[in-house]
Amino acid sequence: MQKRLRWLLVVTIMVVLVVGFYYIQNNKSDSPEDLKENLISDVDKIINKDLDESYPYTAREVVQYFVRIQKCYYNEEYTEEELVKLAYKATELFDDELNNENDFDDYFELLKAEIELYHTQGKVINSVIMDEYSEIVYSTVDGQKYASINCTYFLRSDDGTTKIPETYILRKDEAGRWKILGWKEYEENEWE
């Protein structure tokens, strides 16, 4: 009997220690760095990213970063100055040819009009599904490398969910960075 009591006491002490450790781990406050990181908005994170130092490595990562910028455009709150900075950040991802064909001021005015339309219609980007690495189509034309990536945007509004499939075309520049050359909406069976 005494042996059982001792065994029960050891098990009880171990359970109390495990529960206490779990409680302490889950209730300790975040470090000041963690709290600061949580307070920084997605808009600020994108605006403050130095693309010269940490440019996305793959074509897929470039499109993912562009999608993050788009989510800020349509889903987040920002000032006019922050919107200008977001738009400039997007153009850093664009191929020189795309930037040369589109004046920034014209691009920005069209962007603002589209954002206003989305806000008027109550649309937000709910989610985006992107090709996996294995599904990206790569090609070389006249010595230049290209990549084609399909994305499906799901927009949520009061009227329900809208599905918009788009294809991004990227080209590698002289520095070896993938840059967005353009994009277009496609029919889902167009690539099957």
Protein backbone atom coordinates (compact mmCIF):
# COMPACT_ATOMS: atom_id res chain seq x y z
CA MET A 1 0.00 0.00 0.00
CA GLN A 2 2.78 2.39 0.91
CA LYS A 3 4.50 1.60 -2.38
CA ARG A 4 1.34 2.59 -4.30
CA LEU A 5 1.03 5.82 -2.36
CA ARG A 6 4.60 6.73 -3.13
CA TRP A 7 4.08 5.91 -6.82
CA LEU A 8 0.88 8.03 -6.89
CA LEU A 9 2.72 10.91 -5.21
CA VAL A 10 5.55 10.78 -7.81
CA VAL A 11 3.06 10.70 -10.71
CA THR A 12 1.08 13.61 -9.20
CA ILE A 13 4.23 15.71 -8.75
CA MET A 14 5.26 15.01 -12.36
CA VAL A 15 1.82 15.99 -13.68
CA VAL A 16 1.91 19.22 -11.65
CA LEU A 17 5.39 20.02 -13.01
CA VAL A 18 4.35 19.37 -16.63
CA VAL A 19 1.16 21.44 -16.26
CA GLY A 20 3.10 24.23 -14.54
CA PHE A 21 5.76 24.28 -17.25
CA TYR A 22 3.07 24.35 -19.97
CA TYR A 23 1.29 27.23 -18.19
CA ILE A 24 4.49 29.27 -17.85
CA GLN A 25 5.46 28.74 -21.49
CA ASN A 26 2.05 29.79 -22.81
CA ASN A 27 1.59 32.80 -20.57
CA LYS A 28 4.97 34.47 -20.69
CA SER A 29 4.93 37.87 -22.38
CA ASP A 30 6.47 38.38 -25.81
CA SER A 31 9.82 40.05 -26.04
CA PRO A 32 9.89 43.72 -27.08
CA GLU A 33 11.19 42.65 -30.52
CA ASP A 34 8.26 40.23 -30.97
CA LEU A 35 5.78 42.89 -29.92
CA LYS A 36 7.33 45.43 -32.29
CA GLU A 37 7.19 42.96 -35.20
CA ASN A 38 3.52 42.25 -34.50
CA LEU A 39 2.71 45.97 -34.54
CA ILE A 40 4.26 46.60 -37.97
CA SER A 41 1.62 46.48 -40.67
CA ASP A 42 2.00 44.53 -43.92
CA VAL A 43 2.08 47.88 -45.72
CA ASP A 44 5.08 48.99 -43.64
CA LYS A 45 6.84 45.63 -44.09
CA ILE A 46 6.56 45.89 -47.86
CA ILE A 47 7.49 49.56 -48.06
CA ASN A 48 10.54 49.04 -45.85
CA LYS A 49 11.90 45.95 -47.61
CA ASP A 50 15.10 46.74 -49.45
CA LEU A 51 14.78 44.86 -52.73
CA ASP A 52 18.38 45.71 -53.66
CA GLU A 53 19.53 43.69 -50.66
CA SER A 54 16.89 40.94 -50.57
CA TYR A 55 15.25 40.58 -53.96
CA PRO A 56 13.05 37.46 -54.29
CA TYR A 57 15.18 34.64 -55.66
CA THR A 58 12.72 32.64 -57.80
CA ALA A 59 10.04 33.63 -60.30
CA ARG A 60 7.41 32.23 -57.94
CA GLU A 61 8.72 34.32 -55.03
CA VAL A 62 8.55 37.47 -57.20
CA VAL A 63 4.89 36.80 -57.98
CA GLN A 64 4.20 35.97 -54.31
CA TYR A 65 5.68 39.32 -53.30
CA PHE A 66 3.63 41.13 -55.96
CA VAL A 67 0.50 39.37 -54.62
CA ARG A 68 1.37 40.65 -51.12
CA ILE A 69 1.54 44.17 -52.54
CA GLN A 70 -1.84 43.68 -54.24
CA LYS A 71 -3.37 42.44 -50.99
CA CYS A 72 -2.17 45.67 -49.37
CA TYR A 73 -3.72 47.70 -52.21
CA TYR A 74 -7.14 46.13 -51.84
CA ASN A 75 -7.33 44.86 -48.25
CA GLU A 76 -5.35 47.24 -46.05
CA GLU A 77 -5.63 50.82 -44.87
CA TYR A 78 -2.89 53.26 -45.86
CA THR A 79 -2.21 56.89 -46.61
CA GLU A 80 -1.85 58.37 -50.10
CA GLU A 81 1.91 58.58 -49.52
CA GLU A 82 2.05 54.90 -48.54
CA LEU A 83 0.07 53.96 -51.66
CA VAL A 84 2.62 55.79 -53.81
CA LYS A 85 5.42 53.87 -52.05
CA LEU A 86 3.60 50.56 -52.54
CA ALA A 87 3.18 51.33 -56.25
CA TYR A 88 6.89 52.17 -56.57
CA LYS A 89 7.73 48.92 -54.77
CA ALA A 90 5.59 47.03 -57.32
CA THR A 91 7.41 48.70 -60.22
CA GLU A 92 10.71 47.46 -58.77
CA LEU A 93 9.43 43.97 -59.61
CA PHE A 94 8.57 44.96 -63.19
CA ASP A 95 10.80 44.29 -66.18
CA ASP A 96 12.41 47.41 -67.68
CA GLU A 97 10.33 46.93 -70.82
CA LEU A 98 7.09 47.03 -68.81
CA ASN A 99 8.24 50.09 -66.87
CA ASN A 100 9.34 51.87 -70.06
CA GLU A 101 5.99 51.25 -71.75
CA ASN A 102 3.99 52.51 -68.76
CA ASP A 103 4.54 55.95 -67.30
CA PHE A 104 4.43 55.75 -63.49
CA ASP A 105 1.90 58.57 -63.17
CA ASP A 106 -0.46 56.84 -65.62
CA TYR A 107 0.05 53.50 -63.85
CA PHE A 108 -0.65 55.12 -60.49
CA GLU A 109 -3.85 56.85 -61.67
CA LEU A 110 -5.20 53.59 -63.15
CA LEU A 111 -4.25 51.76 -59.97
CA LYS A 112 -6.05 54.30 -57.77
CA ALA A 113 -9.17 54.07 -59.96
CA GLU A 114 -9.16 50.27 -59.76
CA ILE A 115 -8.67 50.30 -55.98
CA GLU A 116 -11.53 52.78 -55.61
CA LEU A 117 -13.77 50.55 -57.76
CA TYR A 118 -12.90 47.51 -55.61
CA HIS A 119 -13.61 49.45 -52.41
CA THR A 120 -16.92 50.75 -53.81
CA GLN A 121 -17.93 47.18 -54.67
CA GLY A 122 -16.76 45.93 -51.28
CA LYS A 123 -14.23 43.56 -52.85
CA VAL A 124 -11.15 42.23 -51.08
CA ILE A 125 -8.63 39.58 -52.08
CA ASN A 126 -9.66 36.63 -49.96
CA SER A 127 -6.95 34.24 -51.13
CA VAL A 128 -4.65 33.43 -54.02
CA ILE A 129 -3.67 30.00 -55.26
CA MET A 130 -0.46 29.89 -57.26
CA ASP A 131 1.26 27.27 -59.38
CA GLU A 132 3.66 25.07 -57.45
CA TYR A 133 7.32 25.17 -58.45
CA SER A 134 6.85 22.04 -60.55
CA GLU A 135 3.97 23.62 -62.52
CA ILE A 136 5.82 26.76 -63.63
CA VAL A 137 6.61 26.78 -67.34
CA TYR A 138 10.15 27.89 -68.18
CA SER A 139 11.43 28.70 -71.65
CA THR A 140 14.37 30.34 -73.40
CA VAL A 141 13.84 32.59 -76.42
CA ASP A 142 16.77 34.29 -78.15
CA GLY A 143 18.94 33.57 -75.13
CA GLN A 144 16.52 35.17 -72.66
CA LYS A 145 14.90 33.10 -69.91
CA TYR A 146 11.16 33.34 -69.32
CA ALA A 147 8.76 31.88 -66.77
CA SER A 148 4.98 31.59 -66.87
CA ILE A 149 3.04 31.24 -63.61
CA ASN A 150 -0.71 30.80 -63.20
CA CYS A 151 -2.52 32.27 -60.20
CA THR A 152 -6.15 32.15 -59.21
CA TYR A 153 -7.45 35.08 -57.18
CA PHE A 154 -10.53 34.65 -55.04
CA LEU A 155 -12.23 37.99 -54.42
CA ARG A 156 -14.83 38.28 -51.67
CA SER A 157 -17.63 40.83 -51.76
CA ASP A 158 -21.21 41.20 -50.56
CA ASP A 159 -22.28 39.34 -53.70
CA GLY A 160 -20.15 36.29 -52.87
CA THR A 161 -16.82 35.04 -54.14
CA THR A 162 -15.41 35.73 -57.59
CA LYS A 163 -12.63 33.66 -59.11
CA ILE A 164 -10.12 35.41 -61.39
CA PRO A 165 -7.41 33.29 -63.05
CA GLU A 166 -4.31 35.18 -64.21
CA THR A 167 -1.02 34.26 -65.84
CA TYR A 168 2.18 36.15 -65.02
CA ILE A 169 5.02 36.23 -67.52
CA LEU A 170 8.48 36.93 -66.08
CA ARG A 171 11.86 37.42 -67.69
CA LYS A 172 15.31 37.19 -66.14
CA ASP A 173 17.26 40.44 -66.35
CA GLU A 174 21.03 40.89 -66.78
CA ALA A 175 21.51 40.68 -63.00
CA GLY A 176 19.77 37.28 -62.93
CA ARG A 177 16.62 38.60 -61.24
CA TRP A 178 13.18 37.52 -62.35
CA LYS A 179 11.11 40.54 -63.36
CA ILE A 180 7.41 40.71 -64.24
CA LEU A 181 7.05 41.35 -67.96
CA GLY A 182 3.25 41.33 -67.89
CA TRP A 183 0.11 39.44 -66.90
CA LYS A 184 -3.25 38.58 -68.36
CA GLU A 185 -6.49 36.99 -67.33
CA TYR A 186 -6.93 33.56 -68.88
CA GLU A 187 -9.69 31.07 -69.40
CA GLU A 188 -9.17 28.14 -67.05
CA ASN A 189 -9.20 25.57 -69.86
CA GLU A 190 -6.79 27.69 -71.97
CA TRP A 191 -3.79 25.86 -70.46
CA GLU A 192 -5.19 22.34 -70.34
